[in-house]
Amino acid sequence: MPHTETALTDIFSRNPGFHDLVTARHFDTLYGIYVRSYFEKLVNTSLRKAQVTPPPLVVYVDVDETLVRNVGRSRVPIPGAIAHVRELADQGAELYCWSSGGAEYARDSAREVSLEEVFTAFLPKPQVLVDDQRVESWRRLVQVHPLSCPGESVASYRSALDSTRRSKR
């Protein structure tokens, strides 16, 4: 910013006609506008940097005994888990529905409990996992039992991820 004042002063000194009283007032006005503009840009840039949105929380949701309880030949929706999944979707979580019954079974089950639209994709659970780490040693993984869902949120899961290597809830 000081360089701009010097540059403007230099322009005025090279142009003798600019030395009258009117020009001096314009100089003060132009410099004032520049200073305000400079600080507004600085503040706006700082605010944008401060408002960086974290990536979505990625959540995989099982079907059987999580969204739906199997009782004999009957399938009974589990309202608490269903409500929790909907809340996570409303809070911006990226949701995937998976099942050992396969992708279509996962989709049909989500449709059955009116959750199909909240899921990004439907997947079969893996039968083989090729990874350099055992699942038990994964960092930033929180495993949640469906009965423990009430009161949890994207924020509480992020907090758990930040404070522990691996947590079972």
N, C-alpha and C. Protein backbone atom coordinates (compact mmCIF):
# COMPACT_ATOMS: atom_id res chain seq x y z
N MET A 1 0.81 -1.20 0.00
CA MET A 1 0.00 0.00 0.00
C MET A 1 0.86 1.27 0.00
N PRO A 2 1.94 1.37 0.79
CA PRO A 2 2.78 2.58 0.73
C PRO A 2 3.34 2.81 -0.66
N HIS A 3 3.58 1.75 -1.41
CA HIS A 3 4.12 1.90 -2.77
C HIS A 3 3.14 2.64 -3.67
N THR A 4 1.85 2.45 -3.43
CA THR A 4 0.84 3.12 -4.25
C THR A 4 0.86 4.62 -4.00
N GLU A 5 1.00 5.03 -2.73
CA GLU A 5 1.08 6.46 -2.43
C GLU A 5 2.28 7.07 -3.13
N THR A 6 3.40 6.38 -3.11
CA THR A 6 4.60 6.86 -3.78
C THR A 6 4.38 6.96 -5.28
N ALA A 7 3.74 5.93 -5.84
CA ALA A 7 3.49 5.93 -7.28
C ALA A 7 2.56 7.08 -7.67
N LEU A 8 1.51 7.31 -6.90
CA LEU A 8 0.59 8.41 -7.21
C LEU A 8 1.29 9.76 -7.07
N THR A 9 2.11 9.90 -6.03
CA THR A 9 2.86 11.14 -5.85
C THR A 9 3.80 11.37 -7.03
N ASP A 10 4.42 10.31 -7.50
CA ASP A 10 5.32 10.39 -8.65
C ASP A 10 4.56 10.86 -9.89
N ILE A 11 3.38 10.31 -10.11
CA ILE A 11 2.56 10.72 -11.27
C ILE A 11 2.24 12.20 -11.19
N PHE A 12 1.86 12.66 -9.99
CA PHE A 12 1.53 14.08 -9.84
C PHE A 12 2.75 14.97 -10.05
N SER A 13 3.92 14.52 -9.58
CA SER A 13 5.12 15.35 -9.72
C SER A 13 5.57 15.44 -11.18
N ARG A 14 5.27 14.45 -11.99
CA ARG A 14 5.66 14.46 -13.42
C ARG A 14 4.67 15.24 -14.27
N ASN A 15 3.54 15.56 -13.70
CA ASN A 15 2.49 16.29 -14.42
C ASN A 15 2.19 17.58 -13.67
N PRO A 16 2.89 18.65 -14.01
CA PRO A 16 2.76 19.91 -13.26
C PRO A 16 1.33 20.44 -13.20
N GLY A 17 0.52 20.15 -14.18
CA GLY A 17 -0.86 20.65 -14.18
C GLY A 17 -1.71 20.03 -13.09
N PHE A 18 -1.23 18.99 -12.46
CA PHE A 18 -1.99 18.29 -11.43
C PHE A 18 -1.82 18.91 -10.05
N HIS A 19 -1.04 20.00 -9.94
CA HIS A 19 -0.71 20.53 -8.63
C HIS A 19 -1.73 21.52 -8.08
N ASP A 20 -2.79 21.78 -8.80
CA ASP A 20 -3.75 22.75 -8.27
C ASP A 20 -4.57 22.14 -7.14
N LEU A 21 -5.34 22.95 -6.48
CA LEU A 21 -6.10 22.55 -5.31
C LEU A 21 -7.12 21.45 -5.63
N VAL A 22 -7.78 21.55 -6.77
CA VAL A 22 -8.79 20.54 -7.15
C VAL A 22 -8.14 19.18 -7.29
N THR A 23 -7.00 19.12 -7.93
CA THR A 23 -6.29 17.86 -8.12
C THR A 23 -5.86 17.28 -6.78
N ALA A 24 -5.43 18.12 -5.87
CA ALA A 24 -5.02 17.63 -4.55
C ALA A 24 -6.19 16.96 -3.85
N ARG A 25 -7.39 17.56 -3.95
CA ARG A 25 -8.57 16.95 -3.34
C ARG A 25 -8.87 15.61 -4.00
N HIS A 26 -8.71 15.54 -5.33
CA HIS A 26 -8.95 14.28 -6.04
C HIS A 26 -7.95 13.22 -5.62
N PHE A 27 -6.71 13.65 -5.43
CA PHE A 27 -5.68 12.72 -4.98
C PHE A 27 -6.07 12.10 -3.64
N ASP A 28 -6.51 12.97 -2.70
CA ASP A 28 -6.92 12.46 -1.38
C ASP A 28 -8.10 11.50 -1.52
N THR A 29 -9.04 11.83 -2.38
CA THR A 29 -10.22 10.98 -2.59
C THR A 29 -9.80 9.65 -3.22
N LEU A 30 -8.97 9.71 -4.27
CA LEU A 30 -8.51 8.49 -4.93
C LEU A 30 -7.72 7.60 -3.97
N TYR A 31 -6.86 8.23 -3.20
CA TYR A 31 -6.05 7.45 -2.26
C TYR A 31 -6.96 6.81 -1.19
N GLY A 32 -7.95 7.56 -0.70
CA GLY A 32 -8.90 7.02 0.28
C GLY A 32 -9.68 5.84 -0.28
N ILE A 33 -10.11 5.96 -1.54
CA ILE A 33 -10.83 4.86 -2.19
C ILE A 33 -9.92 3.65 -2.31
N TYR A 34 -8.67 3.87 -2.70
CA TYR A 34 -7.72 2.77 -2.83
C TYR A 34 -7.52 2.06 -1.50
N VAL A 35 -7.33 2.84 -0.42
CA VAL A 35 -7.10 2.24 0.89
C VAL A 35 -8.31 1.41 1.31
N ARG A 36 -9.51 1.96 1.17
CA ARG A 36 -10.72 1.20 1.51
C ARG A 36 -10.82 -0.07 0.68
N SER A 37 -10.56 0.03 -0.62
CA SER A 37 -10.62 -1.12 -1.51
C SER A 37 -9.60 -2.18 -1.10
N TYR A 38 -8.39 -1.74 -0.78
CA TYR A 38 -7.33 -2.65 -0.37
C TYR A 38 -7.75 -3.44 0.87
N PHE A 39 -8.26 -2.74 1.88
CA PHE A 39 -8.63 -3.43 3.12
C PHE A 39 -9.88 -4.28 2.94
N GLU A 40 -10.81 -3.87 2.11
CA GLU A 40 -11.99 -4.70 1.83
C GLU A 40 -11.57 -6.01 1.17
N LYS A 41 -10.66 -5.93 0.20
CA LYS A 41 -10.16 -7.14 -0.45
C LYS A 41 -9.44 -8.04 0.55
N LEU A 42 -8.64 -7.43 1.41
CA LEU A 42 -7.91 -8.18 2.43
C LEU A 42 -8.88 -8.91 3.37
N VAL A 43 -9.90 -8.20 3.83
CA VAL A 43 -10.89 -8.80 4.73
C VAL A 43 -11.66 -9.89 4.02
N ASN A 44 -12.12 -9.64 2.79
CA ASN A 44 -12.89 -10.64 2.04
C ASN A 44 -12.07 -11.89 1.78
N THR A 45 -10.79 -11.73 1.44
CA THR A 45 -9.92 -12.88 1.22
C THR A 45 -9.76 -13.68 2.50
N SER A 46 -9.56 -12.98 3.62
CA SER A 46 -9.43 -13.66 4.91
C SER A 46 -10.70 -14.41 5.27
N LEU A 47 -11.86 -13.80 5.02
CA LEU A 47 -13.13 -14.46 5.33
C LEU A 47 -13.32 -15.71 4.47
N ARG A 48 -12.97 -15.61 3.18
CA ARG A 48 -13.10 -16.78 2.31
C ARG A 48 -12.21 -17.92 2.79
N LYS A 49 -10.99 -17.59 3.20
CA LYS A 49 -10.08 -18.62 3.69
C LYS A 49 -10.60 -19.23 4.98
N ALA A 50 -11.21 -18.41 5.83
CA ALA A 50 -11.72 -18.90 7.10
C ALA A 50 -12.96 -19.78 6.92
N GLN A 51 -13.66 -19.61 5.80
CA GLN A 51 -14.89 -20.35 5.58
C GLN A 51 -14.70 -21.55 4.66
N VAL A 52 -13.53 -22.13 4.68
CA VAL A 52 -13.27 -23.30 3.86
C VAL A 52 -14.16 -24.43 4.36
N THR A 53 -14.91 -24.99 3.46
CA THR A 53 -15.83 -26.06 3.81
C THR A 53 -15.07 -27.38 3.84
N PRO A 54 -15.20 -28.12 4.95
CA PRO A 54 -14.53 -29.42 5.00
C PRO A 54 -15.17 -30.38 4.00
N PRO A 55 -14.44 -31.38 3.57
CA PRO A 55 -15.06 -32.36 2.67
C PRO A 55 -16.19 -33.06 3.40
N PRO A 56 -17.15 -33.60 2.65
CA PRO A 56 -18.26 -34.27 3.32
C PRO A 56 -17.79 -35.47 4.14
N LEU A 57 -18.51 -35.74 5.20
CA LEU A 57 -18.25 -36.93 6.00
C LEU A 57 -18.79 -38.11 5.20
N VAL A 58 -17.95 -39.11 4.97
CA VAL A 58 -18.35 -40.28 4.19
C VAL A 58 -18.83 -41.36 5.15
N VAL A 59 -20.07 -41.81 4.93
CA VAL A 59 -20.70 -42.78 5.83
C VAL A 59 -21.22 -43.96 5.01
N TYR A 60 -20.83 -45.17 5.43
CA TYR A 60 -21.36 -46.40 4.84
C TYR A 60 -22.40 -46.96 5.80
N VAL A 61 -23.57 -47.28 5.27
CA VAL A 61 -24.68 -47.76 6.09
C VAL A 61 -25.07 -49.16 5.63
N ASP A 62 -25.12 -50.09 6.58
CA ASP A 62 -25.53 -51.46 6.30
C ASP A 62 -27.05 -51.52 6.24
N VAL A 63 -27.57 -52.64 5.74
CA VAL A 63 -29.02 -52.82 5.62
C VAL A 63 -29.57 -53.69 6.75
N ASP A 64 -29.24 -54.98 6.72
CA ASP A 64 -29.85 -55.93 7.66
C ASP A 64 -29.40 -55.69 9.09
N GLU A 65 -30.37 -55.59 9.97
CA GLU A 65 -30.20 -55.33 11.40
C GLU A 65 -29.63 -53.94 11.67
N THR A 66 -29.63 -53.09 10.64
CA THR A 66 -29.24 -51.69 10.80
C THR A 66 -30.41 -50.81 10.37
N LEU A 67 -30.84 -50.94 9.12
CA LEU A 67 -32.02 -50.21 8.64
C LEU A 67 -33.29 -51.05 8.77
N VAL A 68 -33.13 -52.36 8.63
CA VAL A 68 -34.27 -53.28 8.64
C VAL A 68 -33.95 -54.47 9.53
N ARG A 69 -34.88 -54.80 10.41
CA ARG A 69 -34.73 -55.99 11.25
C ARG A 69 -35.49 -57.13 10.57
N ASN A 70 -34.84 -58.28 10.47
CA ASN A 70 -35.46 -59.45 9.88
C ASN A 70 -36.01 -60.33 11.00
N VAL A 71 -37.31 -60.47 11.02
CA VAL A 71 -37.98 -61.28 12.03
C VAL A 71 -38.74 -62.37 11.29
N GLY A 72 -38.15 -63.56 11.28
CA GLY A 72 -38.75 -64.64 10.48
C GLY A 72 -38.75 -64.22 9.02
N ARG A 73 -39.94 -64.22 8.43
CA ARG A 73 -40.06 -63.77 7.03
C ARG A 73 -40.45 -62.30 6.92
N SER A 74 -40.62 -61.67 8.06
CA SER A 74 -41.01 -60.26 8.06
C SER A 74 -39.78 -59.36 8.12
N ARG A 75 -39.93 -58.19 7.52
CA ARG A 75 -38.89 -57.16 7.58
C ARG A 75 -39.47 -55.96 8.29
N VAL A 76 -38.85 -55.56 9.38
CA VAL A 76 -39.36 -54.46 10.18
C VAL A 76 -38.36 -53.30 10.12
N PRO A 77 -38.80 -52.15 9.60
CA PRO A 77 -37.91 -50.98 9.56
C PRO A 77 -37.49 -50.58 10.98
N ILE A 78 -36.28 -50.06 11.11
CA ILE A 78 -35.76 -49.60 12.39
C ILE A 78 -35.79 -48.06 12.36
N PRO A 79 -36.86 -47.49 12.95
CA PRO A 79 -37.10 -46.04 12.81
C PRO A 79 -35.94 -45.16 13.29
N GLY A 80 -35.29 -45.49 14.39
CA GLY A 80 -34.20 -44.65 14.90
C GLY A 80 -33.04 -44.56 13.93
N ALA A 81 -32.67 -45.69 13.35
CA ALA A 81 -31.56 -45.70 12.39
C ALA A 81 -31.95 -44.97 11.10
N ILE A 82 -33.18 -45.16 10.67
CA ILE A 82 -33.66 -44.50 9.45
C ILE A 82 -33.66 -42.98 9.65
N ALA A 83 -34.15 -42.53 10.79
CA ALA A 83 -34.16 -41.09 11.09
C ALA A 83 -32.73 -40.55 11.15
N HIS A 84 -31.82 -41.33 11.73
CA HIS A 84 -30.43 -40.89 11.84
C HIS A 84 -29.79 -40.73 10.45
N VAL A 85 -30.04 -41.67 9.58
CA VAL A 85 -29.49 -41.59 8.21
C VAL A 85 -30.03 -40.35 7.52
N ARG A 86 -31.31 -40.07 7.68
CA ARG A 86 -31.91 -38.88 7.06
C ARG A 86 -31.27 -37.60 7.64
N GLU A 87 -31.04 -37.58 8.96
CA GLU A 87 -30.40 -36.42 9.60
C GLU A 87 -28.98 -36.21 9.06
N LEU A 88 -28.24 -37.30 8.90
CA LEU A 88 -26.88 -37.19 8.36
C LEU A 88 -26.92 -36.62 6.94
N ALA A 89 -27.88 -37.08 6.14
CA ALA A 89 -28.03 -36.56 4.78
C ALA A 89 -28.34 -35.06 4.82
N ASP A 90 -29.24 -34.66 5.71
CA ASP A 90 -29.59 -33.24 5.84
C ASP A 90 -28.39 -32.39 6.27
N GLN A 91 -27.45 -32.99 7.00
CA GLN A 91 -26.26 -32.29 7.47
C GLN A 91 -25.12 -32.34 6.47
N GLY A 92 -25.36 -32.93 5.30
CA GLY A 92 -24.36 -32.92 4.23
C GLY A 92 -23.45 -34.12 4.15
N ALA A 93 -23.72 -35.18 4.89
CA ALA A 93 -22.88 -36.38 4.80
C ALA A 93 -23.05 -37.03 3.42
N GLU A 94 -21.99 -37.67 2.96
CA GLU A 94 -22.02 -38.43 1.71
C GLU A 94 -22.29 -39.88 2.10
N LEU A 95 -23.47 -40.38 1.76
CA LEU A 95 -23.93 -41.67 2.26
C LEU A 95 -23.89 -42.75 1.19
N TYR A 96 -23.42 -43.92 1.59
CA TYR A 96 -23.40 -45.10 0.73
C TYR A 96 -24.13 -46.22 1.47
N CYS A 97 -24.97 -46.92 0.76
CA CYS A 97 -25.69 -48.06 1.34
C CYS A 97 -25.05 -49.33 0.80
N TRP A 98 -24.68 -50.23 1.71
CA TRP A 98 -24.07 -51.48 1.26
C TRP A 98 -24.64 -52.65 2.02
N SER A 99 -24.52 -53.81 1.40
CA SER A 99 -25.06 -55.02 2.03
C SER A 99 -24.33 -56.24 1.49
N SER A 100 -24.22 -57.25 2.35
CA SER A 100 -23.66 -58.51 1.88
C SER A 100 -24.63 -59.19 0.91
N GLY A 101 -25.86 -58.71 0.85
CA GLY A 101 -26.84 -59.20 -0.12
C GLY A 101 -26.66 -58.63 -1.51
N GLY A 102 -25.77 -57.67 -1.66
CA GLY A 102 -25.47 -57.09 -2.97
C GLY A 102 -26.04 -55.69 -3.14
N ALA A 103 -25.63 -55.06 -4.22
CA ALA A 103 -26.01 -53.67 -4.50
C ALA A 103 -27.51 -53.51 -4.74
N GLU A 104 -28.09 -54.39 -5.53
CA GLU A 104 -29.53 -54.29 -5.81
C GLU A 104 -30.35 -54.49 -4.54
N TYR A 105 -29.94 -55.43 -3.71
CA TYR A 105 -30.62 -55.67 -2.44
C TYR A 105 -30.53 -54.42 -1.56
N ALA A 106 -29.37 -53.78 -1.55
CA ALA A 106 -29.19 -52.55 -0.78
C ALA A 106 -30.11 -51.45 -1.30
N ARG A 107 -30.19 -51.30 -2.63
CA ARG A 107 -31.06 -50.28 -3.23
C ARG A 107 -32.53 -50.57 -2.92
N ASP A 108 -32.94 -51.83 -3.09
CA ASP A 108 -34.34 -52.21 -2.82
C ASP A 108 -34.70 -51.97 -1.36
N SER A 109 -33.78 -52.27 -0.47
CA SER A 109 -34.03 -52.08 0.96
C SER A 109 -34.13 -50.59 1.30
N ALA A 110 -33.27 -49.78 0.72
CA ALA A 110 -33.33 -48.33 0.94
C ALA A 110 -34.64 -47.77 0.41
N ARG A 111 -35.06 -48.25 -0.74
CA ARG A 111 -36.34 -47.83 -1.31
C ARG A 111 -37.49 -48.23 -0.38
N GLU A 112 -37.41 -49.43 0.17
CA GLU A 112 -38.45 -49.96 1.07
C GLU A 112 -38.65 -49.05 2.30
N VAL A 113 -37.57 -48.43 2.79
CA VAL A 113 -37.68 -47.57 3.97
C VAL A 113 -37.62 -46.08 3.59
N SER A 114 -37.85 -45.78 2.31
CA SER A 114 -37.92 -44.40 1.79
C SER A 114 -36.62 -43.61 1.98
N LEU A 115 -35.49 -44.28 1.78
CA LEU A 115 -34.19 -43.60 1.89
C LEU A 115 -33.39 -43.63 0.59
N GLU A 116 -33.94 -44.18 -0.46
CA GLU A 116 -33.17 -44.35 -1.69
C GLU A 116 -32.52 -43.04 -2.15
N GLU A 117 -33.23 -41.92 -2.04
CA GLU A 117 -32.73 -40.66 -2.58
C GLU A 117 -31.57 -40.06 -1.79
N VAL A 118 -31.34 -40.50 -0.55
CA VAL A 118 -30.25 -39.89 0.25
C VAL A 118 -28.90 -40.53 0.00
N PHE A 119 -28.88 -41.68 -0.66
CA PHE A 119 -27.62 -42.39 -0.87
C PHE A 119 -26.97 -42.01 -2.19
N THR A 120 -25.66 -41.87 -2.17
CA THR A 120 -24.87 -41.57 -3.36
C THR A 120 -24.79 -42.80 -4.25
N ALA A 121 -24.65 -43.98 -3.63
CA ALA A 121 -24.52 -45.23 -4.40
C ALA A 121 -24.92 -46.41 -3.51
N PHE A 122 -25.13 -47.53 -4.15
CA PHE A 122 -25.48 -48.79 -3.49
C PHE A 122 -24.43 -49.81 -3.87
N LEU A 123 -23.88 -50.48 -2.87
CA LEU A 123 -22.73 -51.35 -3.10
C LEU A 123 -22.90 -52.69 -2.40
N PRO A 124 -22.26 -53.71 -2.97
CA PRO A 124 -22.17 -54.96 -2.20
C PRO A 124 -21.06 -54.79 -1.17
N LYS A 125 -21.20 -55.46 -0.03
CA LYS A 125 -20.08 -55.45 0.91
C LYS A 125 -18.96 -56.26 0.29
N PRO A 126 -17.73 -55.85 0.52
CA PRO A 126 -16.62 -56.59 -0.08
C PRO A 126 -16.48 -57.99 0.53
N GLN A 127 -16.02 -58.90 -0.30
CA GLN A 127 -15.71 -60.26 0.18
C GLN A 127 -14.21 -60.40 0.40
N VAL A 128 -13.46 -59.62 -0.34
CA VAL A 128 -12.01 -59.58 -0.18
C VAL A 128 -11.62 -58.11 -0.14
N LEU A 129 -10.78 -57.76 0.82
CA LEU A 129 -10.32 -56.38 0.93
C LEU A 129 -8.80 -56.39 0.81
N VAL A 130 -8.31 -55.75 -0.22
CA VAL A 130 -6.87 -55.66 -0.44
C VAL A 130 -6.43 -54.29 0.06
N ASP A 131 -5.69 -54.29 1.15
CA ASP A 131 -5.26 -53.04 1.78
C ASP A 131 -3.99 -53.34 2.56
N ASP A 132 -3.13 -52.35 2.69
CA ASP A 132 -1.89 -52.57 3.43
C ASP A 132 -2.11 -52.56 4.94
N GLN A 133 -3.30 -52.15 5.38
CA GLN A 133 -3.59 -52.10 6.82
C GLN A 133 -4.82 -52.93 7.14
N ARG A 134 -4.81 -53.51 8.32
CA ARG A 134 -6.00 -54.21 8.80
C ARG A 134 -7.06 -53.16 9.13
N VAL A 135 -8.31 -53.49 8.95
CA VAL A 135 -9.39 -52.55 9.22
C VAL A 135 -9.29 -52.01 10.66
N GLU A 136 -8.91 -52.86 11.58
CA GLU A 136 -8.79 -52.44 12.98
C GLU A 136 -7.77 -51.32 13.18
N SER A 137 -6.83 -51.18 12.26
CA SER A 137 -5.80 -50.16 12.43
C SER A 137 -6.05 -48.90 11.57
N TRP A 138 -7.18 -48.84 10.88
CA TRP A 138 -7.48 -47.67 10.06
C TRP A 138 -7.56 -46.44 10.95
N ARG A 139 -6.90 -45.39 10.50
CA ARG A 139 -7.03 -44.10 11.19
C ARG A 139 -8.32 -43.45 10.72
N ARG A 140 -8.84 -42.60 11.59
CA ARG A 140 -10.02 -41.79 11.24
C ARG A 140 -11.20 -42.66 10.79
N LEU A 141 -11.50 -43.66 11.59
CA LEU A 141 -12.66 -44.50 11.34
C LEU A 141 -13.45 -44.61 12.63
N VAL A 142 -14.72 -44.35 12.56
CA VAL A 142 -15.60 -44.49 13.71
C VAL A 142 -16.65 -45.52 13.33
N GLN A 143 -16.74 -46.57 14.12
CA GLN A 143 -17.75 -47.61 13.90
C GLN A 143 -18.87 -47.36 14.90
N VAL A 144 -20.10 -47.28 14.40
CA VAL A 144 -21.23 -46.93 15.24
C VAL A 144 -22.28 -48.04 15.17
N HIS A 145 -22.68 -48.53 16.32
CA HIS A 145 -23.77 -49.52 16.36
C HIS A 145 -25.08 -48.76 16.17
N PRO A 146 -26.03 -49.33 15.41
CA PRO A 146 -27.28 -48.60 15.12
C PRO A 146 -28.04 -48.15 16.38
N LEU A 147 -27.91 -48.88 17.47
CA LEU A 147 -28.61 -48.48 18.69
C LEU A 147 -27.95 -47.28 19.38
N SER A 148 -26.74 -46.93 18.94
CA SER A 148 -26.01 -45.80 19.52
C SER A 148 -26.17 -44.52 18.73
N CYS A 149 -27.00 -44.54 17.70
CA CYS A 149 -27.13 -43.38 16.81
C CYS A 149 -27.82 -42.16 17.41
N PRO A 150 -28.84 -42.33 18.25
CA PRO A 150 -29.53 -41.13 18.75
C PRO A 150 -28.55 -40.16 19.40
N GLY A 151 -28.69 -38.89 19.03
CA GLY A 151 -27.82 -37.85 19.58
C GLY A 151 -26.53 -37.63 18.81
N GLU A 152 -26.22 -38.50 17.86
CA GLU A 152 -25.01 -38.32 17.06
C GLU A 152 -25.32 -37.43 15.86
N SER A 153 -24.28 -36.83 15.32
CA SER A 153 -24.43 -35.93 14.17
C SER A 153 -23.13 -35.92 13.38
N VAL A 154 -23.15 -35.25 12.24
CA VAL A 154 -21.92 -35.10 11.46
C VAL A 154 -20.86 -34.43 12.35
N ALA A 155 -21.25 -33.43 13.11
CA ALA A 155 -20.29 -32.72 13.97
C ALA A 155 -19.72 -33.64 15.05
N SER A 156 -20.55 -34.46 15.66
CA SER A 156 -20.04 -35.35 16.72
C SER A 156 -19.12 -36.42 16.14
N TYR A 157 -19.44 -36.89 14.93
CA TYR A 157 -18.55 -37.87 14.29
C TYR A 157 -17.23 -37.22 13.91
N ARG A 158 -17.25 -35.99 13.39
CA ARG A 158 -16.00 -35.29 13.06
C ARG A 158 -15.15 -35.10 14.32
N SER A 159 -15.80 -34.76 15.41
CA SER A 159 -15.09 -34.58 16.67
C SER A 159 -14.44 -35.90 17.11
N ALA A 160 -15.17 -36.99 16.99
CA ALA A 160 -14.62 -38.30 17.35
C ALA A 160 -13.44 -38.65 16.43
N LEU A 161 -13.56 -38.33 15.16
CA LEU A 161 -12.47 -38.61 14.21
C LEU A 161 -11.23 -37.80 14.55
N ASP A 162 -11.42 -36.57 14.98
CA ASP A 162 -10.30 -35.71 15.31
C ASP A 162 -9.62 -36.10 16.62
N SER A 163 -10.39 -36.69 17.53
CA SER A 163 -9.83 -36.93 18.85
C SER A 163 -9.32 -38.35 19.07
N THR A 164 -9.65 -39.27 18.17
CA THR A 164 -9.20 -40.64 18.37
C THR A 164 -8.71 -41.24 17.05
N ARG A 165 -7.85 -42.22 17.17
CA ARG A 165 -7.42 -42.96 15.96
C ARG A 165 -8.55 -43.82 15.47
N ARG A 166 -9.20 -44.53 16.35
CA ARG A 166 -10.31 -45.43 15.98
C ARG A 166 -11.20 -45.52 17.19
N SER A 167 -12.48 -45.43 16.95
CA SER A 167 -13.41 -45.45 18.06
C SER A 167 -14.58 -46.36 17.72
N LYS A 168 -15.04 -47.10 18.71
CA LYS A 168 -16.27 -47.87 18.56
C LYS A 168 -17.31 -47.21 19.42
N ARG A 169 -18.46 -46.96 18.88
CA ARG A 169 -19.53 -46.31 19.65
C ARG A 169 -20.72 -47.22 19.68
